[in-house]
């Protein structure tokens, strides 16, 4: 609790609380994205099902980074995992000429905007 006005102390306390709340938001959005990724059923061949399970279990993650002017929450798929380096899951999210899009990251954020704002505010 701050009893005397010291701008740097107030700023540091506010940033610490915002960063803690950002961790909660990151986990919330990651969980929502994982739920949506696991709910995708097409294509239903064994290889595609195993690939989506792999992405959901091992690659989907979030990070919270404090920079000089911002606190950045990133939710998504790690691109440099294991031997292969690439944009895993990109075509699941956006689709291609041969496969329809199955968005799971963007709806996890856009469909939960009020919950994310409430969590950032500490509710």
N, C-alpha and C. Protein backbone atom coordinates (compact mmCIF):
# COMPACT_ATOMS: atom_id res chain seq x y z
N UNK A 1 0.84 -1.18 0.00
CA UNK A 1 0.00 0.00 0.00
C UNK A 1 0.88 1.23 0.00
N UNK A 2 0.52 2.19 -0.80
CA UNK A 2 1.29 3.43 -0.90
C UNK A 2 0.62 4.48 -0.02
N UNK A 3 1.37 5.03 0.92
CA UNK A 3 0.82 6.03 1.83
C UNK A 3 1.28 7.43 1.51
N UNK A 4 2.36 7.58 0.78
CA UNK A 4 2.87 8.89 0.41
C UNK A 4 3.05 8.90 -1.10
N UNK A 5 2.66 10.03 -1.72
CA UNK A 5 2.71 10.11 -3.17
C UNK A 5 4.15 10.21 -3.65
N UNK A 6 4.58 9.13 -4.31
CA UNK A 6 5.88 9.10 -4.97
C UNK A 6 5.60 8.55 -6.37
N UNK A 7 5.67 9.41 -7.39
CA UNK A 7 5.27 8.97 -8.73
C UNK A 7 5.95 7.68 -9.20
N UNK A 8 7.23 7.54 -8.95
CA UNK A 8 7.92 6.32 -9.40
C UNK A 8 7.42 5.09 -8.66
N UNK A 9 7.11 5.24 -7.37
CA UNK A 9 6.60 4.11 -6.60
C UNK A 9 5.20 3.71 -7.09
N UNK A 10 4.37 4.71 -7.38
CA UNK A 10 3.03 4.44 -7.89
C UNK A 10 3.11 3.77 -9.25
N UNK A 11 3.98 4.28 -10.12
CA UNK A 11 4.15 3.69 -11.45
C UNK A 11 4.65 2.25 -11.35
N UNK A 12 5.62 2.02 -10.48
CA UNK A 12 6.16 0.67 -10.32
C UNK A 12 5.10 -0.30 -9.79
N UNK A 13 4.29 0.16 -8.83
CA UNK A 13 3.24 -0.69 -8.27
C UNK A 13 2.17 -0.99 -9.32
N UNK A 14 1.79 0.02 -10.11
CA UNK A 14 0.78 -0.18 -11.16
C UNK A 14 1.29 -1.14 -12.23
N UNK A 15 2.55 -0.98 -12.62
CA UNK A 15 3.12 -1.88 -13.63
C UNK A 15 3.23 -3.31 -13.12
N UNK A 16 3.59 -3.47 -11.85
CA UNK A 16 3.68 -4.81 -11.27
C UNK A 16 2.31 -5.48 -11.25
N UNK A 17 1.27 -4.73 -10.89
CA UNK A 17 -0.08 -5.30 -10.87
C UNK A 17 -0.56 -5.62 -12.28
N UNK A 18 -0.27 -4.73 -13.22
CA UNK A 18 -0.66 -4.96 -14.60
C UNK A 18 0.06 -6.18 -15.18
N UNK A 19 1.32 -6.35 -14.84
CA UNK A 19 2.07 -7.51 -15.33
C UNK A 19 1.51 -8.80 -14.74
N UNK A 20 1.15 -8.77 -13.46
CA UNK A 20 0.54 -9.96 -12.84
C UNK A 20 -0.80 -10.29 -13.50
N UNK A 21 -1.59 -9.27 -13.77
CA UNK A 21 -2.87 -9.48 -14.44
C UNK A 21 -2.67 -9.94 -15.88
N UNK A 22 -1.60 -9.48 -16.53
CA UNK A 22 -1.30 -9.90 -17.90
C UNK A 22 -0.98 -11.39 -17.94
N UNK A 23 -0.34 -11.91 -16.91
CA UNK A 23 -0.08 -13.36 -16.84
C UNK A 23 -1.40 -14.13 -16.81
N UNK A 24 -2.36 -13.63 -16.05
CA UNK A 24 -3.68 -14.27 -15.96
C UNK A 24 -4.37 -14.23 -17.32
N UNK A 25 -4.31 -13.07 -17.99
CA UNK A 25 -4.93 -12.92 -19.30
C UNK A 25 -4.27 -13.85 -20.32
N UNK A 26 -2.95 -13.92 -20.30
CA UNK A 26 -2.23 -14.80 -21.22
C UNK A 26 -2.65 -16.24 -21.07
N UNK A 27 -2.76 -16.70 -19.83
CA UNK A 27 -3.17 -18.08 -19.57
C UNK A 27 -4.63 -18.30 -20.01
N UNK A 28 -5.48 -17.32 -19.75
CA UNK A 28 -6.89 -17.41 -20.15
C UNK A 28 -7.02 -17.54 -21.67
N UNK A 29 -6.34 -16.68 -22.42
CA UNK A 29 -6.43 -16.72 -23.88
C UNK A 29 -5.80 -17.99 -24.42
N UNK A 30 -4.69 -18.43 -23.83
CA UNK A 30 -4.08 -19.69 -24.26
C UNK A 30 -5.05 -20.86 -24.06
N UNK A 31 -5.73 -20.89 -22.94
CA UNK A 31 -6.68 -21.95 -22.66
C UNK A 31 -7.84 -21.92 -23.66
N UNK A 32 -8.33 -20.72 -23.96
CA UNK A 32 -9.41 -20.58 -24.95
C UNK A 32 -8.96 -21.04 -26.33
N UNK A 33 -7.76 -20.64 -26.73
CA UNK A 33 -7.24 -21.04 -28.04
C UNK A 33 -7.04 -22.56 -28.08
N UNK A 34 -6.56 -23.14 -27.00
CA UNK A 34 -6.37 -24.59 -26.95
C UNK A 34 -7.72 -25.31 -27.06
N UNK A 35 -8.72 -24.80 -26.37
CA UNK A 35 -10.05 -25.40 -26.45
C UNK A 35 -10.58 -25.36 -27.88
N UNK A 36 -10.38 -24.23 -28.54
CA UNK A 36 -10.86 -24.08 -29.92
C UNK A 36 -10.06 -24.95 -30.89
N UNK A 37 -8.76 -25.06 -30.69
CA UNK A 37 -7.92 -25.91 -31.54
C UNK A 37 -8.30 -27.37 -31.38
N UNK A 38 -8.56 -27.79 -30.15
CA UNK A 38 -8.97 -29.18 -29.90
C UNK A 38 -10.36 -29.48 -30.48
N UNK A 39 -11.18 -28.46 -30.67
CA UNK A 39 -12.53 -28.67 -31.18
C UNK A 39 -12.58 -28.79 -32.70
N UNK A 40 -11.49 -28.50 -33.39
CA UNK A 40 -11.46 -28.62 -34.85
C UNK A 40 -11.52 -30.10 -35.21
N UNK A 41 -12.43 -30.44 -36.10
CA UNK A 41 -12.61 -31.85 -36.45
C UNK A 41 -12.26 -32.17 -37.91
N UNK A 42 -12.01 -31.17 -38.73
CA UNK A 42 -11.72 -31.41 -40.14
C UNK A 42 -10.32 -30.95 -40.47
N UNK A 43 -9.53 -31.61 -41.21
CA UNK A 43 -9.76 -32.95 -41.72
C UNK A 43 -9.68 -33.97 -40.59
N UNK A 44 -10.31 -35.08 -40.80
CA UNK A 44 -10.42 -36.07 -39.73
C UNK A 44 -9.54 -37.29 -39.93
N UNK A 45 -8.48 -37.15 -40.74
CA UNK A 45 -7.56 -38.28 -40.87
C UNK A 45 -6.60 -38.31 -39.67
N UNK A 46 -5.99 -39.42 -39.46
CA UNK A 46 -5.17 -39.63 -38.26
C UNK A 46 -4.00 -38.66 -38.19
N UNK A 47 -3.37 -38.39 -39.32
CA UNK A 47 -2.22 -37.48 -39.33
C UNK A 47 -2.62 -36.08 -38.90
N UNK A 48 -3.73 -35.56 -39.43
CA UNK A 48 -4.19 -34.22 -39.09
C UNK A 48 -4.61 -34.14 -37.62
N UNK A 49 -5.27 -35.16 -37.13
CA UNK A 49 -5.70 -35.18 -35.73
C UNK A 49 -4.48 -35.18 -34.81
N UNK A 50 -3.49 -36.01 -35.11
CA UNK A 50 -2.28 -36.06 -34.29
C UNK A 50 -1.50 -34.75 -34.35
N UNK A 51 -1.48 -34.10 -35.51
CA UNK A 51 -0.79 -32.82 -35.66
C UNK A 51 -1.45 -31.75 -34.80
N UNK A 52 -2.78 -31.68 -34.84
CA UNK A 52 -3.49 -30.69 -34.02
C UNK A 52 -3.28 -30.96 -32.53
N UNK A 53 -3.28 -32.23 -32.14
CA UNK A 53 -3.02 -32.57 -30.73
C UNK A 53 -1.62 -32.15 -30.32
N UNK A 54 -0.64 -32.37 -31.21
CA UNK A 54 0.74 -31.98 -30.95
C UNK A 54 0.84 -30.46 -30.78
N UNK A 55 0.22 -29.71 -31.68
CA UNK A 55 0.24 -28.25 -31.58
C UNK A 55 -0.39 -27.80 -30.27
N UNK A 56 -1.51 -28.37 -29.93
CA UNK A 56 -2.23 -27.98 -28.73
C UNK A 56 -1.44 -28.29 -27.47
N UNK A 57 -0.82 -29.44 -27.44
CA UNK A 57 -0.15 -29.88 -26.22
C UNK A 57 1.24 -29.28 -26.04
N UNK A 58 2.00 -29.17 -27.10
CA UNK A 58 3.41 -28.79 -26.97
C UNK A 58 3.79 -27.42 -27.54
N UNK A 59 3.07 -26.92 -28.50
CA UNK A 59 3.51 -25.72 -29.22
C UNK A 59 2.74 -24.47 -28.80
N UNK A 60 1.46 -24.58 -28.50
CA UNK A 60 0.65 -23.43 -28.13
C UNK A 60 1.09 -22.93 -26.76
N UNK A 61 1.41 -21.65 -26.68
CA UNK A 61 1.91 -21.08 -25.43
C UNK A 61 1.62 -19.58 -25.38
N UNK A 62 1.98 -18.98 -24.26
CA UNK A 62 1.88 -17.53 -24.13
C UNK A 62 3.12 -17.01 -23.42
N UNK A 63 3.43 -15.74 -23.66
CA UNK A 63 4.50 -15.06 -22.95
C UNK A 63 4.03 -13.67 -22.58
N UNK A 64 4.56 -13.16 -21.49
CA UNK A 64 4.31 -11.79 -21.07
C UNK A 64 5.67 -11.12 -20.94
N UNK A 65 5.85 -10.03 -21.64
CA UNK A 65 7.13 -9.34 -21.66
C UNK A 65 6.93 -7.88 -21.26
N UNK A 66 7.75 -7.41 -20.34
CA UNK A 66 7.71 -6.02 -19.93
C UNK A 66 8.81 -5.28 -20.66
N UNK A 67 8.43 -4.29 -21.47
CA UNK A 67 9.39 -3.45 -22.17
C UNK A 67 9.41 -2.08 -21.51
N UNK A 68 10.19 -1.18 -22.07
CA UNK A 68 10.30 0.15 -21.48
C UNK A 68 8.98 0.91 -21.51
N UNK A 69 8.16 0.68 -22.53
CA UNK A 69 6.93 1.45 -22.67
C UNK A 69 5.67 0.62 -22.70
N UNK A 70 5.78 -0.70 -22.56
CA UNK A 70 4.59 -1.53 -22.67
C UNK A 70 4.78 -2.87 -21.98
N UNK A 71 3.66 -3.49 -21.72
CA UNK A 71 3.64 -4.88 -21.29
C UNK A 71 2.96 -5.63 -22.43
N UNK A 72 3.69 -6.57 -23.02
CA UNK A 72 3.24 -7.26 -24.23
C UNK A 72 2.85 -8.69 -23.88
N UNK A 73 1.63 -9.06 -24.27
CA UNK A 73 1.15 -10.43 -24.09
C UNK A 73 1.12 -11.07 -25.47
N UNK A 74 1.83 -12.17 -25.63
CA UNK A 74 1.83 -12.91 -26.89
C UNK A 74 1.24 -14.29 -26.65
N UNK A 75 0.26 -14.63 -27.44
CA UNK A 75 -0.33 -15.96 -27.38
C UNK A 75 -0.26 -16.54 -28.78
N UNK A 76 0.26 -17.74 -28.88
CA UNK A 76 0.35 -18.35 -30.19
C UNK A 76 1.20 -19.59 -30.17
N UNK A 77 1.62 -19.97 -31.36
CA UNK A 77 2.42 -21.17 -31.54
C UNK A 77 3.89 -20.79 -31.66
N UNK A 78 4.72 -21.47 -30.89
CA UNK A 78 6.15 -21.23 -31.00
C UNK A 78 6.60 -21.67 -32.39
N UNK A 79 7.38 -20.83 -33.05
CA UNK A 79 7.78 -21.16 -34.41
C UNK A 79 9.09 -21.92 -34.46
N UNK A 80 9.91 -21.87 -33.45
CA UNK A 80 11.20 -22.54 -33.45
C UNK A 80 11.20 -23.63 -32.40
N UNK A 81 10.54 -24.71 -32.69
CA UNK A 81 10.43 -25.83 -31.76
C UNK A 81 11.02 -27.06 -32.42
N UNK A 82 11.98 -27.65 -31.80
CA UNK A 82 12.56 -28.88 -32.33
C UNK A 82 13.42 -28.64 -33.55
N UNK A 83 13.50 -29.62 -34.41
CA UNK A 83 14.37 -29.55 -35.59
C UNK A 83 13.79 -28.68 -36.69
N UNK A 84 12.49 -28.68 -36.85
CA UNK A 84 11.88 -27.91 -37.92
C UNK A 84 11.58 -26.50 -37.44
N UNK A 85 11.84 -25.54 -38.30
CA UNK A 85 11.55 -24.15 -37.97
C UNK A 85 10.58 -23.64 -39.02
N UNK A 86 9.46 -23.15 -38.60
CA UNK A 86 8.49 -22.67 -39.56
C UNK A 86 7.29 -22.08 -38.85
N UNK A 87 6.28 -21.85 -39.59
CA UNK A 87 5.06 -21.26 -39.07
C UNK A 87 4.03 -22.35 -38.85
N UNK A 88 4.18 -23.06 -37.78
CA UNK A 88 3.28 -24.16 -37.46
C UNK A 88 1.87 -23.63 -37.21
N UNK A 89 0.90 -24.30 -37.73
CA UNK A 89 -0.48 -23.95 -37.48
C UNK A 89 -1.01 -22.77 -38.26
N UNK A 90 -0.16 -22.11 -39.06
CA UNK A 90 -0.59 -20.94 -39.80
C UNK A 90 -1.74 -21.26 -40.75
N UNK A 91 -1.63 -22.37 -41.46
CA UNK A 91 -2.66 -22.70 -42.44
C UNK A 91 -3.92 -23.26 -41.79
N UNK A 92 -3.84 -23.72 -40.56
CA UNK A 92 -5.05 -24.09 -39.82
C UNK A 92 -5.84 -22.82 -39.52
N UNK A 93 -5.14 -21.78 -39.09
CA UNK A 93 -5.77 -20.51 -38.73
C UNK A 93 -6.31 -19.77 -39.95
N UNK A 94 -5.52 -19.69 -41.02
CA UNK A 94 -5.88 -18.85 -42.16
C UNK A 94 -6.44 -19.61 -43.36
N UNK A 95 -6.19 -20.90 -43.44
CA UNK A 95 -6.65 -21.67 -44.58
C UNK A 95 -5.66 -21.59 -45.73
N UNK A 96 -5.96 -22.31 -46.78
CA UNK A 96 -5.13 -22.32 -47.99
C UNK A 96 -6.04 -22.58 -49.18
N UNK A 97 -5.45 -22.74 -50.33
CA UNK A 97 -6.26 -23.01 -51.52
C UNK A 97 -6.90 -24.39 -51.48
N UNK A 98 -6.32 -25.30 -50.71
CA UNK A 98 -6.85 -26.66 -50.65
C UNK A 98 -7.58 -26.99 -49.36
N UNK A 99 -7.49 -26.12 -48.37
CA UNK A 99 -8.12 -26.40 -47.07
C UNK A 99 -8.79 -25.14 -46.52
N UNK A 100 -9.97 -25.28 -45.95
CA UNK A 100 -10.64 -24.10 -45.39
C UNK A 100 -9.96 -23.65 -44.09
N UNK A 101 -10.19 -22.40 -43.74
CA UNK A 101 -9.64 -21.85 -42.50
C UNK A 101 -10.43 -22.35 -41.30
N UNK A 102 -9.71 -22.61 -40.22
CA UNK A 102 -10.30 -22.97 -38.94
C UNK A 102 -9.68 -22.07 -37.87
N UNK A 103 -10.11 -20.81 -37.80
CA UNK A 103 -9.48 -19.90 -36.86
C UNK A 103 -9.70 -20.33 -35.41
N UNK A 104 -8.67 -20.24 -34.62
CA UNK A 104 -8.75 -20.58 -33.21
C UNK A 104 -8.05 -19.53 -32.35
N UNK A 105 -7.04 -18.83 -32.88
CA UNK A 105 -6.34 -17.80 -32.09
C UNK A 105 -7.11 -16.49 -32.05
N UNK A 106 -7.50 -15.99 -33.21
CA UNK A 106 -8.21 -14.70 -33.25
C UNK A 106 -9.54 -14.74 -32.50
N UNK A 107 -10.37 -15.78 -32.68
CA UNK A 107 -11.62 -15.81 -31.92
C UNK A 107 -11.39 -15.93 -30.41
N UNK A 108 -10.28 -16.54 -30.01
CA UNK A 108 -9.98 -16.65 -28.58
C UNK A 108 -9.81 -15.27 -27.96
N UNK A 109 -9.34 -14.31 -28.75
CA UNK A 109 -9.19 -12.94 -28.26
C UNK A 109 -10.45 -12.13 -28.52
N UNK A 110 -10.90 -12.11 -29.77
CA UNK A 110 -12.00 -11.22 -30.16
C UNK A 110 -13.34 -11.60 -29.53
N UNK A 111 -13.59 -12.86 -29.29
CA UNK A 111 -14.85 -13.27 -28.69
C UNK A 111 -14.86 -13.12 -27.17
N UNK A 112 -13.72 -12.80 -26.58
CA UNK A 112 -13.62 -12.69 -25.12
C UNK A 112 -13.08 -11.33 -24.69
N UNK A 113 -13.34 -10.30 -25.48
CA UNK A 113 -12.81 -8.97 -25.20
C UNK A 113 -13.19 -8.42 -23.84
N UNK A 114 -14.45 -8.55 -23.46
CA UNK A 114 -14.87 -8.00 -22.16
C UNK A 114 -14.24 -8.75 -20.99
N UNK A 115 -14.08 -10.08 -21.12
CA UNK A 115 -13.43 -10.85 -20.06
C UNK A 115 -11.96 -10.49 -19.93
N UNK A 116 -11.29 -10.25 -21.07
CA UNK A 116 -9.88 -9.88 -21.06
C UNK A 116 -9.68 -8.52 -20.40
N UNK A 117 -10.52 -7.56 -20.75
CA UNK A 117 -10.43 -6.24 -20.13
C UNK A 117 -10.68 -6.33 -18.63
N UNK A 118 -11.68 -7.12 -18.23
CA UNK A 118 -11.96 -7.29 -16.80
C UNK A 118 -10.78 -7.93 -16.07
N UNK A 119 -10.16 -8.93 -16.66
CA UNK A 119 -9.01 -9.58 -16.04
C UNK A 119 -7.81 -8.63 -15.95
N UNK A 120 -7.61 -7.81 -16.98
CA UNK A 120 -6.52 -6.84 -16.92
C UNK A 120 -6.75 -5.81 -15.83
N UNK A 121 -8.02 -5.51 -15.56
CA UNK A 121 -8.35 -4.56 -14.51
C UNK A 121 -8.31 -5.17 -13.12
N UNK A 122 -8.09 -6.45 -13.03
CA UNK A 122 -7.97 -7.09 -11.73
C UNK A 122 -9.26 -7.60 -11.14
N UNK A 123 -10.26 -7.82 -11.96
CA UNK A 123 -11.55 -8.30 -11.46
C UNK A 123 -11.62 -9.79 -11.47
